[in-house]
Amino acid sequence: EPSRGYDEWAEIGFMIQSTTQKADEKFSSARLRIAREPKEAANKINPANTRLILQVDLQSGETVEVDLALAGKQIKTLVKSPDLAWCEQAQIELPSLTEALNELGYTLKDFQVDVETPQPFSRLQHGTGNINLMTVNIEI
């Protein structure tokens, strides 16, 4: 059951920038949590039965969250944002998400969008000064 609760999480925080932003514009902070098996299973991540939660802090101070629960080749998705426009955009993107998952051999079992503020699990502190950081361009 993909909605089961998880007590153990692997977490990474990172900075992202939209492809429409200029290089000198402020990055947004993001966090990714991946559910791990309980301690009895040596804290391993089981890719066939886990949850991935991605949170992105937007320039407006709002947070958007995408929660993917995997069970075998089935995926449940929950998108949360306090901004109705983001929720509407998530609904518009549903057919392309479904198609992309199908191409990877997955079935979108459930898709839900909630207009609500996600509970942040932590936030990255914005750095000060002009630090030259190495970047990775990841497009899906």
Protein backbone atom coordinates (compact mmCIF):
# COMPACT_ATOMS: atom_id res chain seq x y z
CA GLU A 1 0.00 0.00 0.00
CA PRO A 2 1.73 3.20 -1.14
CA SER A 3 0.04 5.41 1.44
CA ARG A 4 1.56 3.57 4.41
CA GLY A 5 3.49 5.71 6.85
CA TYR A 6 7.26 5.80 6.88
CA ASP A 7 9.41 6.59 9.90
CA GLU A 8 12.82 6.57 8.21
CA TRP A 9 13.74 9.08 5.52
CA ALA A 10 16.80 9.96 3.45
CA GLU A 11 16.78 13.70 2.81
CA ILE A 12 18.74 16.05 0.60
CA GLY A 13 18.46 19.81 0.22
CA PHE A 14 19.59 21.64 -2.89
CA MET A 15 19.15 24.83 -4.87
CA ILE A 16 17.35 24.99 -8.22
CA GLN A 17 16.77 27.60 -10.88
CA SER A 18 14.14 27.72 -13.60
CA THR A 19 15.29 27.55 -17.21
CA THR A 20 13.57 30.90 -17.74
CA GLN A 21 15.64 32.64 -15.05
CA LYS A 22 18.83 34.54 -15.76
CA ALA A 23 22.07 33.13 -14.32
CA ASP A 24 22.42 35.94 -11.78
CA GLU A 25 18.87 35.58 -10.42
CA LYS A 26 18.20 34.04 -7.02
CA PHE A 27 17.95 30.24 -6.81
CA SER A 28 15.04 28.53 -5.06
CA SER A 29 15.64 26.03 -2.30
CA ALA A 30 14.26 22.52 -2.67
CA ARG A 31 14.19 19.37 -0.60
CA LEU A 32 13.81 15.73 -1.55
CA ARG A 33 12.82 13.04 0.92
CA ILE A 34 12.95 9.35 0.09
CA ALA A 35 11.36 6.79 2.39
CA ARG A 36 13.67 4.06 3.67
CA GLU A 37 12.88 0.62 4.98
CA PRO A 38 12.73 0.29 8.78
CA LYS A 39 15.93 -0.29 10.74
CA GLU A 40 15.35 -4.04 10.63
CA ALA A 41 15.93 -3.84 6.85
CA ALA A 42 19.24 -1.95 7.31
CA ASN A 43 17.70 1.41 6.27
CA LYS A 44 17.74 0.51 2.59
CA ILE A 45 15.61 2.24 0.00
CA ASN A 46 13.29 -0.16 -1.76
CA PRO A 47 12.58 1.41 -5.19
CA ALA A 48 9.58 -0.88 -5.70
CA ASN A 49 7.82 0.34 -2.55
CA THR A 50 8.70 3.82 -1.35
CA ARG A 51 7.69 7.48 -1.30
CA LEU A 52 9.44 10.46 -2.85
CA ILE A 53 8.47 13.91 -1.62
CA LEU A 54 9.81 16.98 -3.42
CA GLN A 55 9.26 20.46 -1.99
CA VAL A 56 10.28 23.65 -3.81
CA ASP A 57 10.22 27.09 -2.21
CA LEU A 58 9.05 29.63 -4.79
CA GLN A 59 10.18 33.24 -5.09
CA SER A 60 6.83 34.33 -3.65
CA GLY A 61 7.63 32.55 -0.37
CA GLU A 62 5.18 29.74 -1.08
CA THR A 63 6.07 26.05 -1.16
CA VAL A 64 4.90 23.54 -3.78
CA GLU A 65 5.04 19.84 -2.89
CA VAL A 66 4.85 16.73 -5.07
CA ASP A 67 4.43 13.43 -3.22
CA LEU A 68 4.92 10.21 -5.20
CA ALA A 69 4.07 6.89 -3.57
CA LEU A 70 5.34 3.82 -5.43
CA ALA A 71 4.01 0.29 -5.03
CA GLY A 72 5.43 -2.03 -7.64
CA LYS A 73 4.72 -0.37 -10.98
CA GLN A 74 1.83 1.74 -9.64
CA ILE A 75 2.21 5.36 -8.53
CA LYS A 76 -0.04 7.60 -6.48
CA THR A 77 0.62 11.33 -6.80
CA LEU A 78 -0.38 14.21 -4.55
CA VAL A 79 0.42 17.82 -5.45
CA LYS A 80 -0.01 20.54 -2.80
CA SER A 81 0.21 24.29 -3.23
CA PRO A 82 -1.53 27.24 -1.59
CA ASP A 83 -1.72 28.86 -5.06
CA LEU A 84 -4.69 27.80 -7.20
CA ALA A 85 -2.73 28.62 -10.39
CA TRP A 86 -0.05 26.02 -9.52
CA CYS A 87 -2.75 23.43 -8.81
CA GLU A 88 -4.46 24.17 -12.11
CA GLN A 89 -1.12 23.82 -13.92
CA ALA A 90 -0.58 20.43 -12.25
CA GLN A 91 -3.97 19.29 -13.62
CA ILE A 92 -3.01 20.53 -17.10
CA GLU A 93 0.25 18.54 -16.94
CA LEU A 94 -1.53 15.31 -15.90
CA PRO A 95 -1.77 13.78 -19.41
CA SER A 96 1.94 14.30 -20.09
CA LEU A 97 2.83 12.87 -16.65
CA THR A 98 0.66 9.83 -17.30
CA GLU A 99 2.25 9.30 -20.71
CA ALA A 100 5.80 9.70 -19.38
CA LEU A 101 5.16 7.21 -16.56
CA ASN A 102 3.60 4.74 -19.00
CA GLU A 103 6.69 4.96 -21.21
CA LEU A 104 8.77 4.04 -18.15
CA GLY A 105 6.50 1.06 -17.41
CA TYR A 106 4.54 2.66 -14.55
CA THR A 107 0.79 3.20 -14.10
CA LEU A 108 -0.58 6.33 -12.49
CA LYS A 109 -3.10 4.80 -10.08
CA ASP A 110 -4.27 8.03 -8.44
CA PHE A 111 -3.63 11.74 -8.96
CA GLN A 112 -4.78 14.33 -6.46
CA VAL A 113 -4.23 18.07 -6.26
CA ASP A 114 -4.90 19.96 -3.02
CA VAL A 115 -4.98 23.73 -2.64
CA GLU A 116 -3.21 23.87 0.71
CA THR A 117 0.12 24.86 2.20
CA PRO A 118 2.44 21.85 2.56
CA GLN A 119 4.14 21.25 5.91
CA PRO A 120 7.81 21.98 5.22
CA PHE A 121 10.11 19.33 6.65
CA SER A 122 13.05 21.79 6.64
CA ARG A 123 14.37 24.75 4.69
CA LEU A 124 17.78 25.51 3.30
CA GLN A 125 19.30 28.74 4.46
CA HIS A 126 20.06 31.09 1.59
CA GLY A 127 23.76 31.83 1.31
CA THR A 128 25.10 35.35 1.37
CA GLY A 129 27.61 36.91 -0.96
CA ASN A 130 28.38 36.07 -4.54
CA ILE A 131 29.59 32.47 -4.46
CA ASN A 132 30.31 30.82 -7.78
CA LEU A 133 28.63 27.41 -7.57
CA MET A 134 28.94 24.52 -9.97
CA THR A 135 25.54 23.81 -11.51
CA VAL A 136 23.94 20.78 -13.08
CA ASN A 137 21.33 21.21 -15.79
CA ILE A 138 18.63 18.57 -15.35
CA GLU A 139 15.62 18.69 -17.65
CA ILE A 140 12.86 16.11 -17.76
